[in-house]
Amino acid sequence: LGQFANAAGDCTIVLEYKDKEVTAKDRTKALYRRGTARRQLKMFEKARTDLLEAKALDPQDKAISNELILVERAIQEREKKEKQMYSKLFS
């Protein structure tokens, strides 16, 4: 788990550089990697935000699209479990 947190942190550092210092390709890569790390850390909404931004920069990248699908599925699964949990509480 520590590796994913470190990866997300490292990517955040890269993304804080000014646009002149980081190419669009590097920015896309950092967003993709941070999104992937955040998915592994179960930070699904933040992962989705990163991946959507990466997809806007490179709409043709299949790895970004695939990772986005995984995040969306994880969000749906979590919402389904929460709904089941809350239905048991109030029934």
PDB file of N, CA and C in Angstrom:
ATOM      1  N   LEU A   1       0.820  -1.188   0.000  1.00  0.00           N
ATOM      2  CA  LEU A   1       0.000   0.000   0.000  1.00  0.00           C
ATOM      3  C   LEU A   1       0.862   1.249   0.000  1.00  0.00           C
ATOM      4  N   GLY A   2       1.984   1.205   0.682  1.00  0.00           N
ATOM      5  CA  GLY A   2       2.860   2.362   0.745  1.00  0.00           C
ATOM      6  C   GLY A   2       3.377   2.780  -0.615  1.00  0.00           C
ATOM      7  N   GLN A   3       3.582   1.832  -1.492  1.00  0.00           N
ATOM      8  CA  GLN A   3       4.092   2.161  -2.822  1.00  0.00           C
ATOM      9  C   GLN A   3       3.085   2.984  -3.614  1.00  0.00           C
ATOM     10  N   PHE A   4       1.798   2.670  -3.475  1.00  0.00           N
ATOM     11  CA  PHE A   4       0.783   3.429  -4.202  1.00  0.00           C
ATOM     12  C   PHE A   4       0.689   4.854  -3.663  1.00  0.00           C
ATOM     13  N   ALA A   5       0.798   4.996  -2.353  1.00  0.00           N
ATOM     14  CA  ALA A   5       0.760   6.332  -1.753  1.00  0.00           C
ATOM     15  C   ALA A   5       1.970   7.146  -2.205  1.00  0.00           C
ATOM     16  N   ASN A   6       3.122   6.508  -2.247  1.00  0.00           N
ATOM     17  CA  ASN A   6       4.333   7.196  -2.717  1.00  0.00           C
ATOM     18  C   ASN A   6       4.215   7.578  -4.187  1.00  0.00           C
ATOM     19  N   ALA A   7       3.668   6.677  -4.978  1.00  0.00           N
ATOM     20  CA  ALA A   7       3.504   6.958  -6.409  1.00  0.00           C
ATOM     21  C   ALA A   7       2.563   8.144  -6.611  1.00  0.00           C
ATOM     22  N   ALA A   8       1.451   8.156  -5.878  1.00  0.00           N
ATOM     23  CA  ALA A   8       0.498   9.265  -5.992  1.00  0.00           C
ATOM     24  C   ALA A   8       1.163  10.571  -5.575  1.00  0.00           C
ATOM     25  N   GLY A   9       1.934  10.530  -4.515  1.00  0.00           N
ATOM     26  CA  GLY A   9       2.640  11.722  -4.048  1.00  0.00           C
ATOM     27  C   GLY A   9       3.659  12.222  -5.056  1.00  0.00           C
ATOM     28  N   ASP A  10       4.412  11.310  -5.638  1.00  0.00           N
ATOM     29  CA  ASP A  10       5.410  11.695  -6.644  1.00  0.00           C
ATOM     30  C   ASP A  10       4.758  12.328  -7.863  1.00  0.00           C
ATOM     31  N   CYS A  11       3.642  11.762  -8.288  1.00  0.00           N
ATOM     32  CA  CYS A  11       2.931  12.313  -9.442  1.00  0.00           C
ATOM     33  C   CYS A  11       2.370  13.690  -9.130  1.00  0.00           C
ATOM     34  N   THR A  12       1.912  13.886  -7.917  1.00  0.00           N
ATOM     35  CA  THR A  12       1.406  15.202  -7.510  1.00  0.00           C
ATOM     36  C   THR A  12       2.517  16.244  -7.596  1.00  0.00           C
ATOM     37  N   ILE A  13       3.711  15.873  -7.194  1.00  0.00           N
ATOM     38  CA  ILE A  13       4.853  16.797  -7.282  1.00  0.00           C
ATOM     39  C   ILE A  13       5.090  17.192  -8.734  1.00  0.00           C
ATOM     40  N   VAL A  14       5.081  16.221  -9.632  1.00  0.00           N
ATOM     41  CA  VAL A  14       5.280  16.508 -11.058  1.00  0.00           C
ATOM     42  C   VAL A  14       4.188  17.438 -11.572  1.00  0.00           C
ATOM     43  N   LEU A  15       2.948  17.186 -11.160  1.00  0.00           N
ATOM     44  CA  LEU A  15       1.821  17.979 -11.653  1.00  0.00           C
ATOM     45  C   LEU A  15       1.813  19.407 -11.105  1.00  0.00           C
ATOM     46  N   GLU A  16       2.558  19.653 -10.039  1.00  0.00           N
ATOM     47  CA  GLU A  16       2.630  21.000  -9.475  1.00  0.00           C
ATOM     48  C   GLU A  16       3.594  21.906 -10.242  1.00  0.00           C
ATOM     49  N   TYR A  17       4.434  21.327 -11.093  1.00  0.00           N
ATOM     50  CA  TYR A  17       5.331  22.145 -11.905  1.00  0.00           C
ATOM     51  C   TYR A  17       4.526  22.989 -12.883  1.00  0.00           C
ATOM     52  N   LYS A  18       5.100  24.076 -13.279  1.00  0.00           N
ATOM     53  CA  LYS A  18       4.446  24.944 -14.253  1.00  0.00           C
ATOM     54  C   LYS A  18       4.355  24.236 -15.599  1.00  0.00           C
ATOM     55  N   ASP A  19       3.369  24.640 -16.402  1.00  0.00           N
ATOM     56  CA  ASP A  19       3.161  24.008 -17.713  1.00  0.00           C
ATOM     57  C   ASP A  19       4.394  24.091 -18.599  1.00  0.00           C
ATOM     58  N   LYS A  20       5.187  25.141 -18.451  1.00  0.00           N
ATOM     59  CA  LYS A  20       6.389  25.284 -19.277  1.00  0.00           C
ATOM     60  C   LYS A  20       7.429  24.212 -18.949  1.00  0.00           C
ATOM     61  N   GLU A  21       7.381  23.705 -17.712  1.00  0.00           N
ATOM     62  CA  GLU A  21       8.389  22.752 -17.259  1.00  0.00           C
ATOM     63  C   GLU A  21       7.995  21.294 -17.502  1.00  0.00           C
ATOM     64  N   VAL A  22       6.701  21.045 -17.740  1.00  0.00           N
ATOM     65  CA  VAL A  22       6.208  19.684 -17.934  1.00  0.00           C
ATOM     66  C   VAL A  22       5.445  19.631 -19.259  1.00  0.00           C
ATOM     67  N   THR A  23       5.824  18.697 -20.102  1.00  0.00           N
ATOM     68  CA  THR A  23       5.140  18.567 -21.389  1.00  0.00           C
ATOM     69  C   THR A  23       3.744  17.978 -21.180  1.00  0.00           C
ATOM     70  N   ALA A  24       2.890  18.132 -22.170  1.00  0.00           N
ATOM     71  CA  ALA A  24       1.538  17.574 -22.103  1.00  0.00           C
ATOM     72  C   ALA A  24       1.596  16.054 -21.959  1.00  0.00           C
ATOM     73  N   LYS A  25       2.565  15.441 -22.627  1.00  0.00           N
ATOM     74  CA  LYS A  25       2.724  13.981 -22.545  1.00  0.00           C
ATOM     75  C   LYS A  25       3.079  13.559 -21.120  1.00  0.00           C
ATOM     76  N   ASP A  26       4.009  14.293 -20.492  1.00  0.00           N
ATOM     77  CA  ASP A  26       4.395  13.981 -19.114  1.00  0.00           C
ATOM     78  C   ASP A  26       3.241  14.232 -18.146  1.00  0.00           C
ATOM     79  N   ARG A  27       2.490  15.292 -18.388  1.00  0.00           N
ATOM     80  CA  ARG A  27       1.331  15.614 -17.545  1.00  0.00           C
ATOM     81  C   ARG A  27       0.289  14.492 -17.652  1.00  0.00           C
ATOM     82  N   THR A  28       0.043  14.019 -18.863  1.00  0.00           N
ATOM     83  CA  THR A  28      -0.905  12.931 -19.076  1.00  0.00           C
ATOM     84  C   THR A  28      -0.446  11.672 -18.346  1.00  0.00           C
ATOM     85  N   LYS A  29       0.833  11.367 -18.471  1.00  0.00           N
ATOM     86  CA  LYS A  29       1.393  10.180 -17.828  1.00  0.00           C
ATOM     87  C   LYS A  29       1.272  10.280 -16.305  1.00  0.00           C
ATOM     88  N   ALA A  30       1.575  11.452 -15.751  1.00  0.00           N
ATOM     89  CA  ALA A  30       1.489  11.643 -14.303  1.00  0.00           C
ATOM     90  C   ALA A  30       0.041  11.518 -13.820  1.00  0.00           C
ATOM     91  N   LEU A  31      -0.896  12.082 -14.565  1.00  0.00           N
ATOM     92  CA  LEU A  31      -2.311  11.973 -14.195  1.00  0.00           C
ATOM     93  C   LEU A  31      -2.779  10.527 -14.245  1.00  0.00           C
ATOM     94  N   TYR A  32      -2.352   9.808 -15.284  1.00  0.00           N
ATOM     95  CA  TYR A  32      -2.717   8.393 -15.416  1.00  0.00           C
ATOM     96  C   TYR A  32      -2.147   7.581 -14.247  1.00  0.00           C
ATOM     97  N   ARG A  33      -0.884   7.790 -13.954  1.00  0.00           N
ATOM     98  CA  ARG A  33      -0.250   7.018 -12.875  1.00  0.00           C
ATOM     99  C   ARG A  33      -0.855   7.357 -11.514  1.00  0.00           C
ATOM    100  N   ARG A  34      -1.114   8.655 -11.284  1.00  0.00           N
ATOM    101  CA  ARG A  34      -1.724   9.037 -10.017  1.00  0.00           C
ATOM    102  C   ARG A  34      -3.144   8.468  -9.923  1.00  0.00           C
ATOM    103  N   GLY A  35      -3.877   8.490 -11.028  1.00  0.00           N
ATOM    104  CA  GLY A  35      -5.218   7.910 -11.041  1.00  0.00           C
ATOM    105  C   GLY A  35      -5.200   6.425 -10.738  1.00  0.00           C
ATOM    106  N   THR A  36      -4.245   5.736 -11.311  1.00  0.00           N
ATOM    107  CA  THR A  36      -4.091   4.297 -11.068  1.00  0.00           C
ATOM    108  C   THR A  36      -3.758   4.034  -9.599  1.00  0.00           C
ATOM    109  N   ALA A  37      -2.831   4.813  -9.067  1.00  0.00           N
ATOM    110  CA  ALA A  37      -2.453   4.651  -7.660  1.00  0.00           C
ATOM    111  C   ALA A  37      -3.635   4.951  -6.744  1.00  0.00           C
ATOM    112  N   ARG A  38      -4.370   5.996  -7.062  1.00  0.00           N
ATOM    113  CA  ARG A  38      -5.528   6.347  -6.238  1.00  0.00           C
ATOM    114  C   ARG A  38      -6.613   5.281  -6.301  1.00  0.00           C
ATOM    115  N   ARG A  39      -6.769   4.638  -7.444  1.00  0.00           N
ATOM    116  CA  ARG A  39      -7.737   3.531  -7.519  1.00  0.00           C
ATOM    117  C   ARG A  39      -7.318   2.415  -6.569  1.00  0.00           C
ATOM    118  N   GLN A  40      -6.039   2.094  -6.563  1.00  0.00           N
ATOM    119  CA  GLN A  40      -5.535   1.049  -5.674  1.00  0.00           C
ATOM    120  C   GLN A  40      -5.702   1.431  -4.203  1.00  0.00           C
ATOM    121  N   LEU A  41      -5.660   2.728  -3.927  1.00  0.00           N
ATOM    122  CA  LEU A  41      -5.850   3.218  -2.561  1.00  0.00           C
ATOM    123  C   LEU A  41      -7.329   3.413  -2.218  1.00  0.00           C
ATOM    124  N   LYS A  42      -8.204   3.043  -3.154  1.00  0.00           N
ATOM    125  CA  LYS A  42      -9.658   3.158  -3.007  1.00  0.00           C
ATOM    126  C   LYS A  42     -10.120   4.609  -2.886  1.00  0.00           C
ATOM    127  N   MET A  43      -9.387   5.496  -3.516  1.00  0.00           N
ATOM    128  CA  MET A  43      -9.766   6.913  -3.598  1.00  0.00           C
ATOM    129  C   MET A  43     -10.400   7.112  -4.974  1.00  0.00           C
ATOM    130  N   PHE A  44     -11.557   6.490  -5.168  1.00  0.00           N
ATOM    131  CA  PHE A  44     -12.133   6.353  -6.494  1.00  0.00           C
ATOM    132  C   PHE A  44     -12.529   7.673  -7.155  1.00  0.00           C
ATOM    133  N   GLU A  45     -13.110   8.586  -6.411  1.00  0.00           N
ATOM    134  CA  GLU A  45     -13.528   9.860  -7.020  1.00  0.00           C
ATOM    135  C   GLU A  45     -12.315  10.667  -7.491  1.00  0.00           C
ATOM    136  N   LYS A  46     -11.273  10.680  -6.662  1.00  0.00           N
ATOM    137  CA  LYS A  46     -10.051  11.398  -7.059  1.00  0.00           C
ATOM    138  C   LYS A  46      -9.391  10.717  -8.249  1.00  0.00           C
ATOM    139  N   ALA A  47      -9.435   9.387  -8.266  1.00  0.00           N
ATOM    140  CA  ALA A  47      -8.884   8.640  -9.398  1.00  0.00           C
ATOM    141  C   ALA A  47      -9.638   8.990 -10.676  1.00  0.00           C
ATOM    142  N   ARG A  48     -10.968   9.036 -10.569  1.00  0.00           N
ATOM    143  CA  ARG A  48     -11.782   9.366 -11.737  1.00  0.00           C
ATOM    144  C   ARG A  48     -11.442  10.769 -12.250  1.00  0.00           C
ATOM    145  N   THR A  49     -11.290  11.721 -11.355  1.00  0.00           N
ATOM    146  CA  THR A  49     -10.945  13.089 -11.746  1.00  0.00           C
ATOM    147  C   THR A  49      -9.617  13.119 -12.503  1.00  0.00           C
ATOM    148  N   ASP A  50      -8.606  12.436 -11.974  1.00  0.00           N
ATOM    149  CA  ASP A  50      -7.298  12.386 -12.639  1.00  0.00           C
ATOM    150  C   ASP A  50      -7.404  11.749 -14.018  1.00  0.00           C
ATOM    151  N   LEU A  51      -8.116  10.640 -14.084  1.00  0.00           N
ATOM    152  CA  LEU A  51      -8.206   9.904 -15.346  1.00  0.00           C
ATOM    153  C   LEU A  51      -9.013  10.662 -16.394  1.00  0.00           C
ATOM    154  N   LEU A  52     -10.046  11.360 -15.965  1.00  0.00           N
ATOM    155  CA  LEU A  52     -10.810  12.168 -16.922  1.00  0.00           C
ATOM    156  C   LEU A  52      -9.957  13.311 -17.468  1.00  0.00           C
ATOM    157  N   GLU A  53      -9.132  13.891 -16.616  1.00  0.00           N
ATOM    158  CA  GLU A  53      -8.228  14.951 -17.080  1.00  0.00           C
ATOM    159  C   GLU A  53      -7.185  14.384 -18.042  1.00  0.00           C
ATOM    160  N   ALA A  54      -6.660  13.204 -17.720  1.00  0.00           N
ATOM    161  CA  ALA A  54      -5.684  12.555 -18.607  1.00  0.00           C
ATOM    162  C   ALA A  54      -6.335  12.217 -19.946  1.00  0.00           C
ATOM    163  N   LYS A  55      -7.568  11.750 -19.909  1.00  0.00           N
ATOM    164  CA  LYS A  55      -8.282  11.396 -21.143  1.00  0.00           C
ATOM    165  C   LYS A  55      -8.538  12.631 -21.998  1.00  0.00           C
ATOM    166  N   ALA A  56      -8.798  13.765 -21.362  1.00  0.00           N
ATOM    167  CA  ALA A  56      -8.991  15.006 -22.107  1.00  0.00           C
ATOM    168  C   ALA A  56      -7.707  15.406 -22.834  1.00  0.00           C
ATOM    169  N   LEU A  57      -6.571  15.105 -22.230  1.00  0.00           N
ATOM    170  CA  LEU A  57      -5.284  15.419 -22.858  1.00  0.00           C
ATOM    171  C   LEU A  57      -4.919  14.427 -23.956  1.00  0.00           C
ATOM    172  N   ASP A  58      -5.343  13.167 -23.789  1.00  0.00           N
ATOM    173  CA  ASP A  58      -5.032  12.126 -24.777  1.00  0.00           C
ATOM    174  C   ASP A  58      -6.225  11.186 -24.935  1.00  0.00           C
ATOM    175  N   PRO A  59      -7.231  11.601 -25.709  1.00  0.00           N
ATOM    176  CA  PRO A  59      -8.468  10.820 -25.840  1.00  0.00           C
ATOM    177  C   PRO A  59      -8.285   9.441 -26.467  1.00  0.00           C
ATOM    178  N   GLN A  60      -7.204   9.220 -27.180  1.00  0.00           N
ATOM    179  CA  GLN A  60      -6.999   7.950 -27.884  1.00  0.00           C
ATOM    180  C   GLN A  60      -6.301   6.887 -27.039  1.00  0.00           C
ATOM    181  N   ASP A  61      -5.803   7.247 -25.874  1.00  0.00           N
ATOM    182  CA  ASP A  61      -5.026   6.319 -25.043  1.00  0.00           C
ATOM    183  C   ASP A  61      -5.937   5.246 -24.441  1.00  0.00           C
ATOM    184  N   LYS A  62      -5.736   4.012 -24.856  1.00  0.00           N
ATOM    185  CA  LYS A  62      -6.584   2.910 -24.398  1.00  0.00           C
ATOM    186  C   LYS A  62      -6.328   2.547 -22.936  1.00  0.00           C
ATOM    187  N   ALA A  63      -5.108   2.714 -22.473  1.00  0.00           N
ATOM    188  CA  ALA A  63      -4.799   2.404 -21.072  1.00  0.00           C
ATOM    189  C   ALA A  63      -5.589   3.318 -20.142  1.00  0.00           C
ATOM    190  N   ILE A  64      -5.693   4.584 -20.503  1.00  0.00           N
ATOM    191  CA  ILE A  64      -6.473   5.526 -19.700  1.00  0.00           C
ATOM    192  C   ILE A  64      -7.940   5.117 -19.712  1.00  0.00           C
ATOM    193  N   SER A  65      -8.457   4.788 -20.874  1.00  0.00           N
ATOM    194  CA  SER A  65      -9.861   4.371 -20.992  1.00  0.00           C
ATOM    195  C   SER A  65     -10.135   3.121 -20.167  1.00  0.00           C
ATOM    196  N   ASN A  66      -9.235   2.163 -20.232  1.00  0.00           N
ATOM    197  CA  ASN A  66      -9.414   0.925 -19.471  1.00  0.00           C
ATOM    198  C   ASN A  66      -9.380   1.176 -17.973  1.00  0.00           C
ATOM    199  N   GLU A  67      -8.466   2.026 -17.532  1.00  0.00           N
ATOM    200  CA  GLU A  67      -8.370   2.346 -16.109  1.00  0.00           C
ATOM    201  C   GLU A  67      -9.623   3.088 -15.641  1.00  0.00           C
ATOM    202  N   LEU A  68     -10.130   3.946 -16.483  1.00  0.00           N
ATOM    203  CA  LEU A  68     -11.357   4.678 -16.165  1.00  0.00           C
ATOM    204  C   LEU A  68     -12.541   3.721 -15.999  1.00  0.00           C
ATOM    205  N   ILE A  69     -12.603   2.701 -16.831  1.00  0.00           N
ATOM    206  CA  ILE A  69     -13.646   1.679 -16.711  1.00  0.00           C
ATOM    207  C   ILE A  69     -13.540   0.968 -15.363  1.00  0.00           C
ATOM    208  N   LEU A  70     -12.316   0.628 -14.966  1.00  0.00           N
ATOM    209  CA  LEU A  70     -12.115  -0.043 -13.673  1.00  0.00           C
ATOM    210  C   LEU A  70     -12.566   0.835 -12.514  1.00  0.00           C
ATOM    211  N   VAL A  71     -12.271   2.127 -12.605  1.00  0.00           N
ATOM    212  CA  VAL A  71     -12.664   3.058 -11.544  1.00  0.00           C
ATOM    213  C   VAL A  71     -14.182   3.171 -11.484  1.00  0.00           C
ATOM    214  N   GLU A  72     -14.815   3.306 -12.637  1.00  0.00           N
ATOM    215  CA  GLU A  72     -16.277   3.414 -12.667  1.00  0.00           C
ATOM    216  C   GLU A  72     -16.928   2.165 -12.087  1.00  0.00           C
ATOM    217  N   ARG A  73     -16.388   1.003 -12.401  1.00  0.00           N
ATOM    218  CA  ARG A  73     -16.920  -0.251 -11.852  1.00  0.00           C
ATOM    219  C   ARG A  73     -16.750  -0.284 -10.337  1.00  0.00           C
ATOM    220  N   ALA A  74     -15.597   0.150  -9.867  1.00  0.00           N
ATOM    221  CA  ALA A  74     -15.336   0.152  -8.430  1.00  0.00           C
ATOM    222  C   ALA A  74     -16.300   1.097  -7.708  1.00  0.00           C
ATOM    223  N   ILE A  75     -16.571   2.235  -8.298  1.00  0.00           N
ATOM    224  CA  ILE A  75     -17.520   3.182  -7.704  1.00  0.00           C
ATOM    225  C   ILE A  75     -18.909   2.560  -7.653  1.00  0.00           C
ATOM    226  N   GLN A  76     -19.319   1.920  -8.732  1.00  0.00           N
ATOM    227  CA  GLN A  76     -20.639   1.282  -8.774  1.00  0.00           C
ATOM    228  C   GLN A  76     -20.751   0.172  -7.728  1.00  0.00           C
ATOM    229  N   GLU A  77     -19.694  -0.615  -7.595  1.00  0.00           N
ATOM    230  CA  GLU A  77     -19.691  -1.695  -6.606  1.00  0.00           C
ATOM    231  C   GLU A  77     -19.796  -1.141  -5.192  1.00  0.00           C
ATOM    232  N   ARG A  78     -19.030  -0.098  -4.915  1.00  0.00           N
ATOM    233  CA  ARG A  78     -19.066   0.509  -3.591  1.00  0.00           C
ATOM    234  C   ARG A  78     -20.456   1.072  -3.285  1.00  0.00           C
ATOM    235  N   GLU A  79     -21.047   1.745  -4.267  1.00  0.00           N
ATOM    236  CA  GLU A  79     -22.390   2.308  -4.073  1.00  0.00           C
ATOM    237  C   GLU A  79     -23.423   1.209  -3.852  1.00  0.00           C
ATOM    238  N   LYS A  80     -23.262   0.106  -4.558  1.00  0.00           N
ATOM    239  CA  LYS A  80     -24.173  -1.029  -4.400  1.00  0.00           C
ATOM    240  C   LYS A  80     -24.064  -1.599  -2.986  1.00  0.00           C
ATOM    241  N   LYS A  81     -22.840  -1.763  -2.496  1.00  0.00           N
ATOM    242  CA  LYS A  81     -22.629  -2.291  -1.145  1.00  0.00           C
ATOM    243  C   LYS A  81     -23.179  -1.332  -0.099  1.00  0.00           C
ATOM    244  N   GLU A  82     -22.968  -0.038  -0.303  1.00  0.00           N
ATOM    245  CA  GLU A  82     -23.488   0.951   0.640  1.00  0.00           C
ATOM    246  C   GLU A  82     -25.018   0.918   0.666  1.00  0.00           C
ATOM    247  N   LYS A  83     -25.612   0.799  -0.489  1.00  0.00           N
ATOM    248  CA  LYS A  83     -27.070   0.754  -0.583  1.00  0.00           C
ATOM    249  C   LYS A  83     -27.612  -0.464   0.163  1.00  0.00           C
ATOM    250  N   GLN A  84     -26.951  -1.612  -0.019  1.00  0.00           N
ATOM    251  CA  GLN A  84     -27.375  -2.826   0.680  1.00  0.00           C
ATOM    252  C   GLN A  84     -27.213  -2.672   2.190  1.00  0.00           C
ATOM    253  N   MET A  85     -26.108  -2.079   2.592  1.00  0.00           N
ATOM    254  CA  MET A  85     -25.841  -1.888   4.019  1.00  0.00           C
ATOM    255  C   MET A  85     -26.894  -0.987   4.658  1.00  0.00           C
ATOM    256  N   TYR A  86     -27.197   0.122   3.986  1.00  0.00           N
ATOM    257  CA  TYR A  86     -28.161   1.052   4.528  1.00  0.00           C
ATOM    258  C   TYR A  86     -29.582   0.504   4.492  1.00  0.00           C
ATOM    259  N   SER A  87     -29.888  -0.319   3.500  1.00  0.00           N
ATOM    260  CA  SER A  87     -31.228  -0.911   3.454  1.00  0.00           C
ATOM    261  C   SER A  87     -31.435  -1.867   4.629  1.00  0.00           C
ATOM    262  N   LYS A  88     -30.386  -2.528   5.062  1.00  0.00           N
ATOM    263  CA  LYS A  88     -30.474  -3.431   6.214  1.00  0.00           C
ATOM    264  C   LYS A  88     -30.637  -2.629   7.511  1.00  0.00           C
ATOM    265  N   LEU A  89     -30.015  -1.475   7.571  1.00  0.00           N
ATOM    266  CA  LEU A  89     -30.129  -0.643   8.773  1.00  0.00           C
ATOM    267  C   LEU A  89     -31.537  -0.117   8.978  1.00  0.00           C
ATOM    268  N   PHE A  90     -32.213   0.206   7.889  1.00  0.00           N
ATOM    269  CA  PHE A  90     -33.512   0.845   7.983  1.00  0.00           C
ATOM    270  C   PHE A  90     -34.686  -0.082   7.691  1.00  0.00           C
ATOM    271  N   SER A  91     -34.436  -1.380   7.669  1.00  0.00           N
ATOM    272  CA  SER A  91     -35.554  -2.306   7.394  1.00  0.00           C
ATOM    273  C   SER A  91     -36.012  -3.025   8.646  1.00  0.00           C
TER     274      SER A  91
END
